[in-house]
């Protein structure tokens, strides 16, 4: 299992795999894919402010059917415990996305340089 950050979900939906590193492409091909509930929320936020044009649930339904992407349902108490410990970002979306990956002890595909610098299991 490997988690995807929000921008990775958007790129997969837009079929713009050229934006992924070779390592990220390999991990996507060779692992079951999941996202945190926070990615769902961030997609909704991006939709509401007009940064993405497709409703998030349509994106997730498409990716579930095409590549088997699932939305993880991890222990929220543990996630928030980890998020409280993350002090290297003020971005609540990033904090909770990373905290869920930490809780489930899985890698996270992301291009975010701050996450890559601070979460040892981040991949790009």
PDB file of N, CA and C in Angstrom:
ATOM      1  N   UNK A   1       0.842  -1.181   0.000  1.00  0.00           N
ATOM      2  CA  UNK A   1       0.000   0.000   0.000  1.00  0.00           C
ATOM      3  C   UNK A   1       0.883   1.239   0.000  1.00  0.00           C
ATOM      4  N   UNK A   2       0.480   2.198  -0.795  1.00  0.00           N
ATOM      5  CA  UNK A   2       1.176   3.487  -0.833  1.00  0.00           C
ATOM      6  C   UNK A   2       0.117   4.584  -0.927  1.00  0.00           C
ATOM      7  N   UNK A   3       0.388   5.697  -0.249  1.00  0.00           N
ATOM      8  CA  UNK A   3      -0.547   6.820  -0.261  1.00  0.00           C
ATOM      9  C   UNK A   3      -0.148   7.834  -1.329  1.00  0.00           C
ATOM     10  N   UNK A   4      -1.134   8.560  -1.801  1.00  0.00           N
ATOM     11  CA  UNK A   4      -0.907   9.620  -2.776  1.00  0.00           C
ATOM     12  C   UNK A   4      -1.269  10.961  -2.157  1.00  0.00           C
ATOM     13  N   UNK A   5      -0.458  11.969  -2.425  1.00  0.00           N
ATOM     14  CA  UNK A   5      -0.766  13.334  -2.030  1.00  0.00           C
ATOM     15  C   UNK A   5      -1.800  13.895  -3.015  1.00  0.00           C
ATOM     16  N   UNK A   6      -2.378  15.012  -2.673  1.00  0.00           N
ATOM     17  CA  UNK A   6      -3.478  15.581  -3.460  1.00  0.00           C
ATOM     18  C   UNK A   6      -3.090  15.850  -4.908  1.00  0.00           C
ATOM     19  N   UNK A   7      -1.954  16.482  -5.134  1.00  0.00           N
ATOM     20  CA  UNK A   7      -1.570  16.792  -6.511  1.00  0.00           C
ATOM     21  C   UNK A   7      -1.346  15.520  -7.325  1.00  0.00           C
ATOM     22  N   UNK A   8      -0.882  14.447  -6.700  1.00  0.00           N
ATOM     23  CA  UNK A   8      -0.706  13.187  -7.416  1.00  0.00           C
ATOM     24  C   UNK A   8      -2.056  12.643  -7.892  1.00  0.00           C
ATOM     25  N   UNK A   9      -3.082  12.788  -7.082  1.00  0.00           N
ATOM     26  CA  UNK A   9      -4.426  12.347  -7.465  1.00  0.00           C
ATOM     27  C   UNK A   9      -4.916  13.143  -8.675  1.00  0.00           C
ATOM     28  N   UNK A  10      -4.737  14.450  -8.628  1.00  0.00           N
ATOM     29  CA  UNK A  10      -5.178  15.301  -9.739  1.00  0.00           C
ATOM     30  C   UNK A  10      -4.436  14.929 -11.015  1.00  0.00           C
ATOM     31  N   UNK A  11      -3.120  14.715 -10.920  1.00  0.00           N
ATOM     32  CA  UNK A  11      -2.347  14.347 -12.113  1.00  0.00           C
ATOM     33  C   UNK A  11      -2.747  12.996 -12.660  1.00  0.00           C
ATOM     34  N   UNK A  12      -3.031  12.036 -11.788  1.00  0.00           N
ATOM     35  CA  UNK A  12      -3.489  10.728 -12.275  1.00  0.00           C
ATOM     36  C   UNK A  12      -4.835  10.863 -12.985  1.00  0.00           C
ATOM     37  N   UNK A  13      -5.708  11.666 -12.425  1.00  0.00           N
ATOM     38  CA  UNK A  13      -7.011  11.879 -13.054  1.00  0.00           C
ATOM     39  C   UNK A  13      -6.849  12.559 -14.411  1.00  0.00           C
ATOM     40  N   UNK A  14      -5.968  13.545 -14.474  1.00  0.00           N
ATOM     41  CA  UNK A  14      -5.738  14.281 -15.725  1.00  0.00           C
ATOM     42  C   UNK A  14      -4.873  13.504 -16.712  1.00  0.00           C
ATOM     43  N   UNK A  15      -4.408  12.310 -16.287  1.00  0.00           N
ATOM     44  CA  UNK A  15      -3.562  11.456 -17.121  1.00  0.00           C
ATOM     45  C   UNK A  15      -2.295  12.191 -17.557  1.00  0.00           C
ATOM     46  N   UNK A  16      -1.691  12.884 -16.602  1.00  0.00           N
ATOM     47  CA  UNK A  16      -0.452  13.609 -16.891  1.00  0.00           C
ATOM     48  C   UNK A  16       0.695  12.938 -16.151  1.00  0.00           C
ATOM     49  N   UNK A  17       0.936  11.674 -16.491  1.00  0.00           N
ATOM     50  CA  UNK A  17       1.970  10.926 -15.782  1.00  0.00           C
ATOM     51  C   UNK A  17       3.368  11.451 -16.058  1.00  0.00           C
ATOM     52  N   UNK A  18       3.516  12.322 -17.072  1.00  0.00           N
ATOM     53  CA  UNK A  18       4.838  12.889 -17.331  1.00  0.00           C
ATOM     54  C   UNK A  18       5.310  13.778 -16.187  1.00  0.00           C
ATOM     55  N   UNK A  19       4.400  14.181 -15.314  1.00  0.00           N
ATOM     56  CA  UNK A  19       4.770  15.005 -14.163  1.00  0.00           C
ATOM     57  C   UNK A  19       5.385  14.177 -13.029  1.00  0.00           C
ATOM     58  N   UNK A  20       5.238  12.864 -13.089  1.00  0.00           N
ATOM     59  CA  UNK A  20       5.770  11.985 -12.049  1.00  0.00           C
ATOM     60  C   UNK A  20       7.219  11.611 -12.336  1.00  0.00           C
ATOM     61  N   UNK A  21       7.994  11.465 -11.286  1.00  0.00           N
ATOM     62  CA  UNK A  21       9.348  10.941 -11.456  1.00  0.00           C
ATOM     63  C   UNK A  21       9.247   9.469 -11.852  1.00  0.00           C
ATOM     64  N   UNK A  22      10.327   8.931 -12.369  1.00  0.00           N
ATOM     65  CA  UNK A  22      10.330   7.504 -12.729  1.00  0.00           C
ATOM     66  C   UNK A  22      10.085   6.631 -11.506  1.00  0.00           C
ATOM     67  N   UNK A  23      10.684   7.001 -10.369  1.00  0.00           N
ATOM     68  CA  UNK A  23      10.479   6.229  -9.143  1.00  0.00           C
ATOM     69  C   UNK A  23       9.013   6.266  -8.719  1.00  0.00           C
ATOM     70  N   UNK A  24       8.391   7.436  -8.786  1.00  0.00           N
ATOM     71  CA  UNK A  24       6.976   7.549  -8.421  1.00  0.00           C
ATOM     72  C   UNK A  24       6.111   6.710  -9.354  1.00  0.00           C
ATOM     73  N   UNK A  25       6.397   6.750 -10.648  1.00  0.00           N
ATOM     74  CA  UNK A  25       5.645   5.934 -11.616  1.00  0.00           C
ATOM     75  C   UNK A  25       5.759   4.443 -11.277  1.00  0.00           C
ATOM     76  N   UNK A  26       6.958   4.021 -10.949  1.00  0.00           N
ATOM     77  CA  UNK A  26       7.175   2.612 -10.598  1.00  0.00           C
ATOM     78  C   UNK A  26       6.382   2.233  -9.345  1.00  0.00           C
ATOM     79  N   UNK A  27       6.418   3.072  -8.339  1.00  0.00           N
ATOM     80  CA  UNK A  27       5.671   2.805  -7.101  1.00  0.00           C
ATOM     81  C   UNK A  27       4.168   2.751  -7.364  1.00  0.00           C
ATOM     82  N   UNK A  28       3.680   3.620  -8.215  1.00  0.00           N
ATOM     83  CA  UNK A  28       2.247   3.636  -8.555  1.00  0.00           C
ATOM     84  C   UNK A  28       1.871   2.345  -9.269  1.00  0.00           C
ATOM     85  N   UNK A  29       2.710   1.901 -10.176  1.00  0.00           N
ATOM     86  CA  UNK A  29       2.431   0.656 -10.921  1.00  0.00           C
ATOM     87  C   UNK A  29       2.478  -0.577 -10.036  1.00  0.00           C
ATOM     88  N   UNK A  30       3.337  -0.576  -9.020  1.00  0.00           N
ATOM     89  CA  UNK A  30       3.612  -1.790  -8.270  1.00  0.00           C
ATOM     90  C   UNK A  30       2.966  -1.872  -6.888  1.00  0.00           C
ATOM     91  N   UNK A  31       2.099  -0.945  -6.540  1.00  0.00           N
ATOM     92  CA  UNK A  31       1.484  -0.936  -5.213  1.00  0.00           C
ATOM     93  C   UNK A  31      -0.005  -0.668  -5.289  1.00  0.00           C
ATOM     94  N   UNK A  32      -0.717  -1.121  -4.265  1.00  0.00           N
ATOM     95  CA  UNK A  32      -2.096  -0.695  -4.087  1.00  0.00           C
ATOM     96  C   UNK A  32      -2.056   0.767  -3.682  1.00  0.00           C
ATOM     97  N   UNK A  33      -3.001   1.551  -4.178  1.00  0.00           N
ATOM     98  CA  UNK A  33      -2.995   2.990  -3.959  1.00  0.00           C
ATOM     99  C   UNK A  33      -4.140   3.416  -3.062  1.00  0.00           C
ATOM    100  N   UNK A  34      -3.832   4.365  -2.186  1.00  0.00           N
ATOM    101  CA  UNK A  34      -4.826   4.857  -1.241  1.00  0.00           C
ATOM    102  C   UNK A  34      -4.600   6.348  -1.014  1.00  0.00           C
ATOM    103  N   UNK A  35      -5.634   6.998  -0.516  1.00  0.00           N
ATOM    104  CA  UNK A  35      -5.515   8.394  -0.095  1.00  0.00           C
ATOM    105  C   UNK A  35      -6.149   8.530   1.284  1.00  0.00           C
ATOM    106  N   UNK A  36      -5.773   9.591   1.960  1.00  0.00           N
ATOM    107  CA  UNK A  36      -6.391   9.879   3.249  1.00  0.00           C
ATOM    108  C   UNK A  36      -7.682  10.670   3.027  1.00  0.00           C
ATOM    109  N   UNK A  37      -8.511  10.705   4.040  1.00  0.00           N
ATOM    110  CA  UNK A  37      -9.728  11.506   3.991  1.00  0.00           C
ATOM    111  C   UNK A  37      -9.375  12.984   3.779  1.00  0.00           C
ATOM    112  N   UNK A  38      -8.201  13.397   4.259  1.00  0.00           N
ATOM    113  CA  UNK A  38      -7.795  14.789   4.107  1.00  0.00           C
ATOM    114  C   UNK A  38      -7.575  15.144   2.644  1.00  0.00           C
ATOM    115  N   UNK A  39      -7.127  14.188   1.833  1.00  0.00           N
ATOM    116  CA  UNK A  39      -6.994  14.448   0.400  1.00  0.00           C
ATOM    117  C   UNK A  39      -8.378  14.704  -0.190  1.00  0.00           C
ATOM    118  N   UNK A  40      -9.364  13.949   0.233  1.00  0.00           N
ATOM    119  CA  UNK A  40     -10.752  14.199  -0.221  1.00  0.00           C
ATOM    120  C   UNK A  40     -11.163  15.627   0.105  1.00  0.00           C
ATOM    121  N   UNK A  41     -10.880  16.047   1.328  1.00  0.00           N
ATOM    122  CA  UNK A  41     -11.254  17.397   1.752  1.00  0.00           C
ATOM    123  C   UNK A  41     -10.493  18.461   0.959  1.00  0.00           C
ATOM    124  N   UNK A  42      -9.200  18.241   0.736  1.00  0.00           N
ATOM    125  CA  UNK A  42      -8.424  19.219  -0.029  1.00  0.00           C
ATOM    126  C   UNK A  42      -8.905  19.295  -1.474  1.00  0.00           C
ATOM    127  N   UNK A  43      -9.281  18.166  -2.061  1.00  0.00           N
ATOM    128  CA  UNK A  43      -9.858  18.184  -3.408  1.00  0.00           C
ATOM    129  C   UNK A  43     -11.139  19.022  -3.432  1.00  0.00           C
ATOM    130  N   UNK A  44     -11.969  18.872  -2.415  1.00  0.00           N
ATOM    131  CA  UNK A  44     -13.201  19.661  -2.330  1.00  0.00           C
ATOM    132  C   UNK A  44     -12.875  21.149  -2.239  1.00  0.00           C
ATOM    133  N   UNK A  45     -11.892  21.483  -1.424  1.00  0.00           N
ATOM    134  CA  UNK A  45     -11.452  22.875  -1.287  1.00  0.00           C
ATOM    135  C   UNK A  45     -10.976  23.416  -2.644  1.00  0.00           C
ATOM    136  N   UNK A  46     -10.151  22.650  -3.342  1.00  0.00           N
ATOM    137  CA  UNK A  46      -9.651  23.085  -4.647  1.00  0.00           C
ATOM    138  C   UNK A  46     -10.787  23.260  -5.652  1.00  0.00           C
ATOM    139  N   UNK A  47     -11.786  22.400  -5.571  1.00  0.00           N
ATOM    140  CA  UNK A  47     -12.964  22.504  -6.431  1.00  0.00           C
ATOM    141  C   UNK A  47     -13.750  23.775  -6.121  1.00  0.00           C
ATOM    142  N   UNK A  48     -13.939  24.049  -4.849  1.00  0.00           N
ATOM    143  CA  UNK A  48     -14.710  25.222  -4.437  1.00  0.00           C
ATOM    144  C   UNK A  48     -14.038  26.535  -4.835  1.00  0.00           C
ATOM    145  N   UNK A  49     -12.705  26.563  -4.835  1.00  0.00           N
ATOM    146  CA  UNK A  49     -12.017  27.805  -5.214  1.00  0.00           C
ATOM    147  C   UNK A  49     -11.683  27.843  -6.708  1.00  0.00           C
ATOM    148  N   UNK A  50     -12.097  26.826  -7.452  1.00  0.00           N
ATOM    149  CA  UNK A  50     -11.939  26.822  -8.896  1.00  0.00           C
ATOM    150  C   UNK A  50     -10.600  26.335  -9.414  1.00  0.00           C
ATOM    151  N   UNK A  51      -9.770  25.760  -8.570  1.00  0.00           N
ATOM    152  CA  UNK A  51      -8.461  25.264  -9.025  1.00  0.00           C
ATOM    153  C   UNK A  51      -8.586  23.945  -9.779  1.00  0.00           C
ATOM    154  N   UNK A  52      -9.625  23.154  -9.480  1.00  0.00           N
ATOM    155  CA  UNK A  52      -9.956  21.982 -10.291  1.00  0.00           C
ATOM    156  C   UNK A  52     -11.402  22.124 -10.727  1.00  0.00           C
ATOM    157  N   UNK A  53     -11.722  21.572 -11.877  1.00  0.00           N
ATOM    158  CA  UNK A  53     -13.060  21.772 -12.463  1.00  0.00           C
ATOM    159  C   UNK A  53     -13.988  20.578 -12.278  1.00  0.00           C
ATOM    160  N   UNK A  54     -13.433  19.420 -11.944  1.00  0.00           N
ATOM    161  CA  UNK A  54     -14.232  18.209 -11.790  1.00  0.00           C
ATOM    162  C   UNK A  54     -14.539  17.994 -10.315  1.00  0.00           C
ATOM    163  N   UNK A  55     -15.774  17.622 -10.020  1.00  0.00           N
ATOM    164  CA  UNK A  55     -16.161  17.373  -8.629  1.00  0.00           C
ATOM    165  C   UNK A  55     -15.287  16.250  -8.060  1.00  0.00           C
ATOM    166  N   UNK A  56     -14.794  16.418  -6.833  1.00  0.00           N
ATOM    167  CA  UNK A  56     -13.890  15.426  -6.232  1.00  0.00           C
ATOM    168  C   UNK A  56     -14.426  14.003  -6.210  1.00  0.00           C
ATOM    169  N   UNK A  57     -15.694  13.833  -5.935  1.00  0.00           N
ATOM    170  CA  UNK A  57     -16.222  12.463  -5.884  1.00  0.00           C
ATOM    171  C   UNK A  57     -16.188  11.801  -7.259  1.00  0.00           C
ATOM    172  N   UNK A  58     -16.333  12.591  -8.338  1.00  0.00           N
ATOM    173  CA  UNK A  58     -16.207  12.036  -9.687  1.00  0.00           C
ATOM    174  C   UNK A  58     -14.759  11.617  -9.960  1.00  0.00           C
ATOM    175  N   UNK A  59     -13.804  12.415  -9.499  1.00  0.00           N
ATOM    176  CA  UNK A  59     -12.391  12.079  -9.647  1.00  0.00           C
ATOM    177  C   UNK A  59     -12.087  10.769  -8.928  1.00  0.00           C
ATOM    178  N   UNK A  60     -12.544  10.678  -7.679  1.00  0.00           N
ATOM    179  CA  UNK A  60     -12.239   9.487  -6.878  1.00  0.00           C
ATOM    180  C   UNK A  60     -12.938   8.243  -7.411  1.00  0.00           C
ATOM    181  N   UNK A  61     -14.154   8.395  -7.884  1.00  0.00           N
ATOM    182  CA  UNK A  61     -14.868   7.252  -8.465  1.00  0.00           C
ATOM    183  C   UNK A  61     -14.142   6.752  -9.711  1.00  0.00           C
ATOM    184  N   UNK A  62     -13.714   7.672 -10.558  1.00  0.00           N
ATOM    185  CA  UNK A  62     -12.980   7.299 -11.766  1.00  0.00           C
ATOM    186  C   UNK A  62     -11.686   6.568 -11.417  1.00  0.00           C
ATOM    187  N   UNK A  63     -10.921   7.126 -10.477  1.00  0.00           N
ATOM    188  CA  UNK A  63      -9.649   6.504 -10.115  1.00  0.00           C
ATOM    189  C   UNK A  63      -9.843   5.169  -9.395  1.00  0.00           C
ATOM    190  N   UNK A  64     -10.920   5.043  -8.646  1.00  0.00           N
ATOM    191  CA  UNK A  64     -11.215   3.756  -8.020  1.00  0.00           C
ATOM    192  C   UNK A  64     -11.478   2.702  -9.091  1.00  0.00           C
ATOM    193  N   UNK A  65     -12.268   3.050 -10.082  1.00  0.00           N
ATOM    194  CA  UNK A  65     -12.615   2.102 -11.130  1.00  0.00           C
ATOM    195  C   UNK A  65     -11.450   1.819 -12.073  1.00  0.00           C
ATOM    196  N   UNK A  66     -10.625   2.823 -12.338  1.00  0.00           N
ATOM    197  CA  UNK A  66      -9.554   2.648 -13.328  1.00  0.00           C
ATOM    198  C   UNK A  66      -8.265   2.073 -12.743  1.00  0.00           C
ATOM    199  N   UNK A  67      -7.919   2.449 -11.497  1.00  0.00           N
ATOM    200  CA  UNK A  67      -6.649   1.964 -10.931  1.00  0.00           C
ATOM    201  C   UNK A  67      -6.803   1.380  -9.528  1.00  0.00           C
ATOM    202  N   UNK A  68      -8.038   1.300  -9.038  1.00  0.00           N
ATOM    203  CA  UNK A  68      -8.276   0.685  -7.736  1.00  0.00           C
ATOM    204  C   UNK A  68      -7.970   1.574  -6.541  1.00  0.00           C
ATOM    205  N   UNK A  69      -7.884   2.889  -6.758  1.00  0.00           N
ATOM    206  CA  UNK A  69      -7.614   3.815  -5.661  1.00  0.00           C
ATOM    207  C   UNK A  69      -8.708   3.725  -4.608  1.00  0.00           C
ATOM    208  N   UNK A  70      -8.296   3.631  -3.336  1.00  0.00           N
ATOM    209  CA  UNK A  70      -9.270   3.600  -2.247  1.00  0.00           C
ATOM    210  C   UNK A  70      -9.012   4.759  -1.293  1.00  0.00           C
ATOM    211  N   UNK A  71     -10.026   5.083  -0.515  1.00  0.00           N
ATOM    212  CA  UNK A  71      -9.895   6.092   0.530  1.00  0.00           C
ATOM    213  C   UNK A  71      -9.721   5.351   1.841  1.00  0.00           C
ATOM    214  N   UNK A  72      -8.618   5.602   2.513  1.00  0.00           N
ATOM    215  CA  UNK A  72      -8.310   4.911   3.764  1.00  0.00           C
ATOM    216  C   UNK A  72      -9.215   5.398   4.883  1.00  0.00           C
ATOM    217  N   UNK A  73      -9.481   4.501   5.795  1.00  0.00           N
ATOM    218  CA  UNK A  73     -10.311   4.826   6.946  1.00  0.00           C
ATOM    219  C   UNK A  73      -9.537   4.482   8.211  1.00  0.00           C
ATOM    220  N   UNK A  74      -8.466   5.230   8.454  1.00  0.00           N
ATOM    221  CA  UNK A  74      -7.594   4.956   9.594  1.00  0.00           C
ATOM    222  C   UNK A  74      -8.146   5.564  10.876  1.00  0.00           C
ATOM    223  N   UNK A  75      -7.510   5.201  11.967  1.00  0.00           N
ATOM    224  CA  UNK A  75      -7.875   5.671  13.300  1.00  0.00           C
ATOM    225  C   UNK A  75      -7.620   7.170  13.422  1.00  0.00           C
ATOM    226  N   UNK A  76      -8.678   7.966  13.527  1.00  0.00           N
ATOM    227  CA  UNK A  76      -8.516   9.418  13.544  1.00  0.00           C
ATOM    228  C   UNK A  76      -7.779   9.918  14.780  1.00  0.00           C
ATOM    229  N   UNK A  77      -7.920   9.260  15.905  1.00  0.00           N
ATOM    230  CA  UNK A  77      -7.207   9.691  17.117  1.00  0.00           C
ATOM    231  C   UNK A  77      -5.701   9.581  16.888  1.00  0.00           C
ATOM    232  N   UNK A  78      -5.247   8.468  16.338  1.00  0.00           N
ATOM    233  CA  UNK A  78      -3.823   8.280  16.069  1.00  0.00           C
ATOM    234  C   UNK A  78      -3.320   9.295  15.042  1.00  0.00           C
ATOM    235  N   UNK A  79      -4.128   9.569  14.036  1.00  0.00           N
ATOM    236  CA  UNK A  79      -3.733  10.544  13.014  1.00  0.00           C
ATOM    237  C   UNK A  79      -3.533  11.914  13.656  1.00  0.00           C
ATOM    238  N   UNK A  80      -4.472  12.332  14.467  1.00  0.00           N
ATOM    239  CA  UNK A  80      -4.350  13.651  15.094  1.00  0.00           C
ATOM    240  C   UNK A  80      -3.214  13.682  16.100  1.00  0.00           C
ATOM    241  N   UNK A  81      -2.936  12.577  16.761  1.00  0.00           N
ATOM    242  CA  UNK A  81      -1.770  12.518  17.646  1.00  0.00           C
ATOM    243  C   UNK A  81      -0.488  12.773  16.866  1.00  0.00           C
ATOM    244  N   UNK A  82      -0.368  12.149  15.704  1.00  0.00           N
ATOM    245  CA  UNK A  82       0.813  12.388  14.863  1.00  0.00           C
ATOM    246  C   UNK A  82       0.826  13.821  14.340  1.00  0.00           C
ATOM    247  N   UNK A  83      -0.315  14.326  13.911  1.00  0.00           N
ATOM    248  CA  UNK A  83      -0.384  15.680  13.341  1.00  0.00           C
ATOM    249  C   UNK A  83       0.050  16.735  14.349  1.00  0.00           C
ATOM    250  N   UNK A  84      -0.289  16.525  15.601  1.00  0.00           N
ATOM    251  CA  UNK A  84       0.107  17.468  16.645  1.00  0.00           C
ATOM    252  C   UNK A  84       1.625  17.530  16.772  1.00  0.00           C
ATOM    253  N   UNK A  85       2.296  16.420  16.507  1.00  0.00           N
ATOM    254  CA  UNK A  85       3.756  16.354  16.608  1.00  0.00           C
ATOM    255  C   UNK A  85       4.472  16.986  15.411  1.00  0.00           C
ATOM    256  N   UNK A  86       3.769  17.163  14.310  1.00  0.00           N
ATOM    257  CA  UNK A  86       4.386  17.728  13.102  1.00  0.00           C
ATOM    258  C   UNK A  86       4.469  19.242  13.273  1.00  0.00           C
ATOM    259  N   UNK A  87       5.709  19.744  13.328  1.00  0.00           N
ATOM    260  CA  UNK A  87       5.884  21.178  13.540  1.00  0.00           C
ATOM    261  C   UNK A  87       6.632  21.856  12.398  1.00  0.00           C
ATOM    262  N   UNK A  88       6.831  21.152  11.311  1.00  0.00           N
ATOM    263  CA  UNK A  88       7.600  21.695  10.198  1.00  0.00           C
ATOM    264  C   UNK A  88       6.723  22.303   9.098  1.00  0.00           C
ATOM    265  N   UNK A  89       5.402  22.329   9.292  1.00  0.00           N
ATOM    266  CA  UNK A  89       4.511  22.991   8.339  1.00  0.00           C
ATOM    267  C   UNK A  89       3.307  23.562   9.075  1.00  0.00           C
ATOM    268  N   UNK A  90       2.779  24.628   8.544  1.00  0.00           N
ATOM    269  CA  UNK A  90       1.539  25.205   9.073  1.00  0.00           C
ATOM    270  C   UNK A  90       0.347  24.779   8.205  1.00  0.00           C
ATOM    271  N   UNK A  91       0.602  24.097   7.114  1.00  0.00           N
ATOM    272  CA  UNK A  91      -0.450  23.668   6.199  1.00  0.00           C
ATOM    273  C   UNK A  91      -1.190  22.481   6.815  1.00  0.00           C
ATOM    274  N   UNK A  92      -2.427  22.711   7.206  1.00  0.00           N
ATOM    275  CA  UNK A  92      -3.192  21.663   7.897  1.00  0.00           C
ATOM    276  C   UNK A  92      -3.432  20.453   7.000  1.00  0.00           C
ATOM    277  N   UNK A  93      -3.609  20.675   5.706  1.00  0.00           N
ATOM    278  CA  UNK A  93      -3.782  19.551   4.791  1.00  0.00           C
ATOM    279  C   UNK A  93      -2.530  18.668   4.803  1.00  0.00           C
ATOM    280  N   UNK A  94      -1.375  19.291   4.629  1.00  0.00           N
ATOM    281  CA  UNK A  94      -0.121  18.520   4.624  1.00  0.00           C
ATOM    282  C   UNK A  94       0.104  17.803   5.950  1.00  0.00           C
ATOM    283  N   UNK A  95      -0.177  18.493   7.040  1.00  0.00           N
ATOM    284  CA  UNK A  95       0.009  17.871   8.357  1.00  0.00           C
ATOM    285  C   UNK A  95      -0.799  16.585   8.479  1.00  0.00           C
ATOM    286  N   UNK A  96      -2.063  16.651   8.100  1.00  0.00           N
ATOM    287  CA  UNK A  96      -2.931  15.492   8.281  1.00  0.00           C
ATOM    288  C   UNK A  96      -2.679  14.401   7.251  1.00  0.00           C
ATOM    289  N   UNK A  97      -2.308  14.785   6.033  1.00  0.00           N
ATOM    290  CA  UNK A  97      -1.971  13.773   5.019  1.00  0.00           C
ATOM    291  C   UNK A  97      -0.734  12.995   5.454  1.00  0.00           C
ATOM    292  N   UNK A  98       0.293  13.702   5.907  1.00  0.00           N
ATOM    293  CA  UNK A  98       1.507  13.045   6.381  1.00  0.00           C
ATOM    294  C   UNK A  98       1.227  12.256   7.650  1.00  0.00           C
ATOM    295  N   UNK A  99       0.437  12.819   8.547  1.00  0.00           N
ATOM    296  CA  UNK A  99       0.121  12.125   9.800  1.00  0.00           C
ATOM    297  C   UNK A  99      -0.580  10.804   9.536  1.00  0.00           C
ATOM    298  N   UNK A 100      -1.451  10.755   8.536  1.00  0.00           N
ATOM    299  CA  UNK A 100      -2.111   9.490   8.234  1.00  0.00           C
ATOM    300  C   UNK A 100      -1.114   8.492   7.657  1.00  0.00           C
ATOM    301  N   UNK A 101      -0.226   8.941   6.802  1.00  0.00           N
ATOM    302  CA  UNK A 101       0.805   8.038   6.282  1.00  0.00           C
ATOM    303  C   UNK A 101       1.675   7.517   7.424  1.00  0.00           C
ATOM    304  N   UNK A 102       1.996   8.393   8.377  1.00  0.00           N
ATOM    305  CA  UNK A 102       2.777   7.972   9.534  1.00  0.00           C
ATOM    306  C   UNK A 102       2.013   6.948  10.364  1.00  0.00           C
ATOM    307  N   UNK A 103       0.735   7.206  10.594  1.00  0.00           N
ATOM    308  CA  UNK A 103      -0.101   6.307  11.389  1.00  0.00           C
ATOM    309  C   UNK A 103      -0.133   4.919  10.777  1.00  0.00           C
ATOM    310  N   UNK A 104      -0.247   4.862   9.455  1.00  0.00           N
ATOM    311  CA  UNK A 104      -0.339   3.577   8.766  1.00  0.00           C
ATOM    312  C   UNK A 104       1.028   3.030   8.357  1.00  0.00           C
ATOM    313  N   UNK A 105       2.089   3.798   8.661  1.00  0.00           N
ATOM    314  CA  UNK A 105       3.458   3.389   8.368  1.00  0.00           C
ATOM    315  C   UNK A 105       3.640   3.022   6.895  1.00  0.00           C
ATOM    316  N   UNK A 106       3.195   3.943   6.017  1.00  0.00           N
ATOM    317  CA  UNK A 106       3.307   3.720   4.579  1.00  0.00           C
ATOM    318  C   UNK A 106       4.005   4.911   3.929  1.00  0.00           C
ATOM    319  N   UNK A 107       4.486   4.678   2.723  1.00  0.00           N
ATOM    320  CA  UNK A 107       5.103   5.742   1.939  1.00  0.00           C
ATOM    321  C   UNK A 107       4.031   6.666   1.382  1.00  0.00           C
ATOM    322  N   UNK A 108       4.469   7.865   1.025  1.00  0.00           N
ATOM    323  CA  UNK A 108       3.579   8.884   0.472  1.00  0.00           C
ATOM    324  C   UNK A 108       4.221   9.437  -0.786  1.00  0.00           C
ATOM    325  N   UNK A 109       3.537   9.316  -1.915  1.00  0.00           N
ATOM    326  CA  UNK A 109       4.037   9.904  -3.154  1.00  0.00           C
ATOM    327  C   UNK A 109       3.643  11.374  -3.157  1.00  0.00           C
ATOM    328  N   UNK A 110       4.664  12.232  -3.236  1.00  0.00           N
ATOM    329  CA  UNK A 110       4.439  13.672  -3.222  1.00  0.00           C
ATOM    330  C   UNK A 110       5.584  14.382  -3.920  1.00  0.00           C
ATOM    331  N   UNK A 111       5.283  15.519  -4.507  1.00  0.00           N
ATOM    332  CA  UNK A 111       6.320  16.360  -5.084  1.00  0.00           C
ATOM    333  C   UNK A 111       6.641  17.519  -4.141  1.00  0.00           C
ATOM    334  N   UNK A 112       5.903  17.627  -3.059  1.00  0.00           N
ATOM    335  CA  UNK A 112       6.068  18.720  -2.101  1.00  0.00           C
ATOM    336  C   UNK A 112       7.449  18.644  -1.446  1.00  0.00           C
ATOM    337  N   UNK A 113       8.269  19.646  -1.681  1.00  0.00           N
ATOM    338  CA  UNK A 113       9.649  19.628  -1.179  1.00  0.00           C
ATOM    339  C   UNK A 113       9.711  19.632   0.337  1.00  0.00           C
ATOM    340  N   UNK A 114       8.790  20.314   0.985  1.00  0.00           N
ATOM    341  CA  UNK A 114       8.781  20.349   2.440  1.00  0.00           C
ATOM    342  C   UNK A 114       8.477  18.957   3.010  1.00  0.00           C
ATOM    343  N   UNK A 115       7.510  18.278   2.432  1.00  0.00           N
ATOM    344  CA  UNK A 115       7.194  16.916   2.883  1.00  0.00           C
ATOM    345  C   UNK A 115       8.376  15.995   2.587  1.00  0.00           C
ATOM    346  N   UNK A 116       8.946  16.109   1.392  1.00  0.00           N
ATOM    347  CA  UNK A 116      10.085  15.263   1.031  1.00  0.00           C
ATOM    348  C   UNK A 116      11.260  15.460   1.985  1.00  0.00           C
ATOM    349  N   UNK A 117      11.439  16.675   2.463  1.00  0.00           N
ATOM    350  CA  UNK A 117      12.552  16.965   3.378  1.00  0.00           C
ATOM    351  C   UNK A 117      12.300  16.480   4.798  1.00  0.00           C
ATOM    352  N   UNK A 118      11.029  16.307   5.163  1.00  0.00           N
ATOM    353  CA  UNK A 118      10.705  16.052   6.559  1.00  0.00           C
ATOM    354  C   UNK A 118      10.053  14.705   6.858  1.00  0.00           C
ATOM    355  N   UNK A 119       9.520  14.043   5.853  1.00  0.00           N
ATOM    356  CA  UNK A 119       8.904  12.727   6.077  1.00  0.00           C
ATOM    357  C   UNK A 119       9.774  11.683   5.390  1.00  0.00           C
ATOM    358  N   UNK A 120      10.432  10.851   6.165  1.00  0.00           N
ATOM    359  CA  UNK A 120      11.425   9.923   5.619  1.00  0.00           C
ATOM    360  C   UNK A 120      10.843   8.911   4.637  1.00  0.00           C
ATOM    361  N   UNK A 121       9.544   8.697   4.670  1.00  0.00           N
ATOM    362  CA  UNK A 121       8.930   7.722   3.761  1.00  0.00           C
ATOM    363  C   UNK A 121       8.255   8.397   2.559  1.00  0.00           C
ATOM    364  N   UNK A 122       8.535   9.684   2.373  1.00  0.00           N
ATOM    365  CA  UNK A 122       8.015  10.394   1.189  1.00  0.00           C
ATOM    366  C   UNK A 122       8.845  10.007  -0.023  1.00  0.00           C
ATOM    367  N   UNK A 123       8.173   9.868  -1.149  1.00  0.00           N
ATOM    368  CA  UNK A 123       8.813   9.422  -2.403  1.00  0.00           C
ATOM    369  C   UNK A 123       8.539  10.441  -3.488  1.00  0.00           C
ATOM    370  N   UNK A 124       9.573  10.742  -4.219  1.00  0.00           N
ATOM    371  CA  UNK A 124       9.417  11.445  -5.488  1.00  0.00           C
ATOM    372  C   UNK A 124      10.512  11.054  -6.407  1.00  0.00           C
TER     373      UNK A 124
END
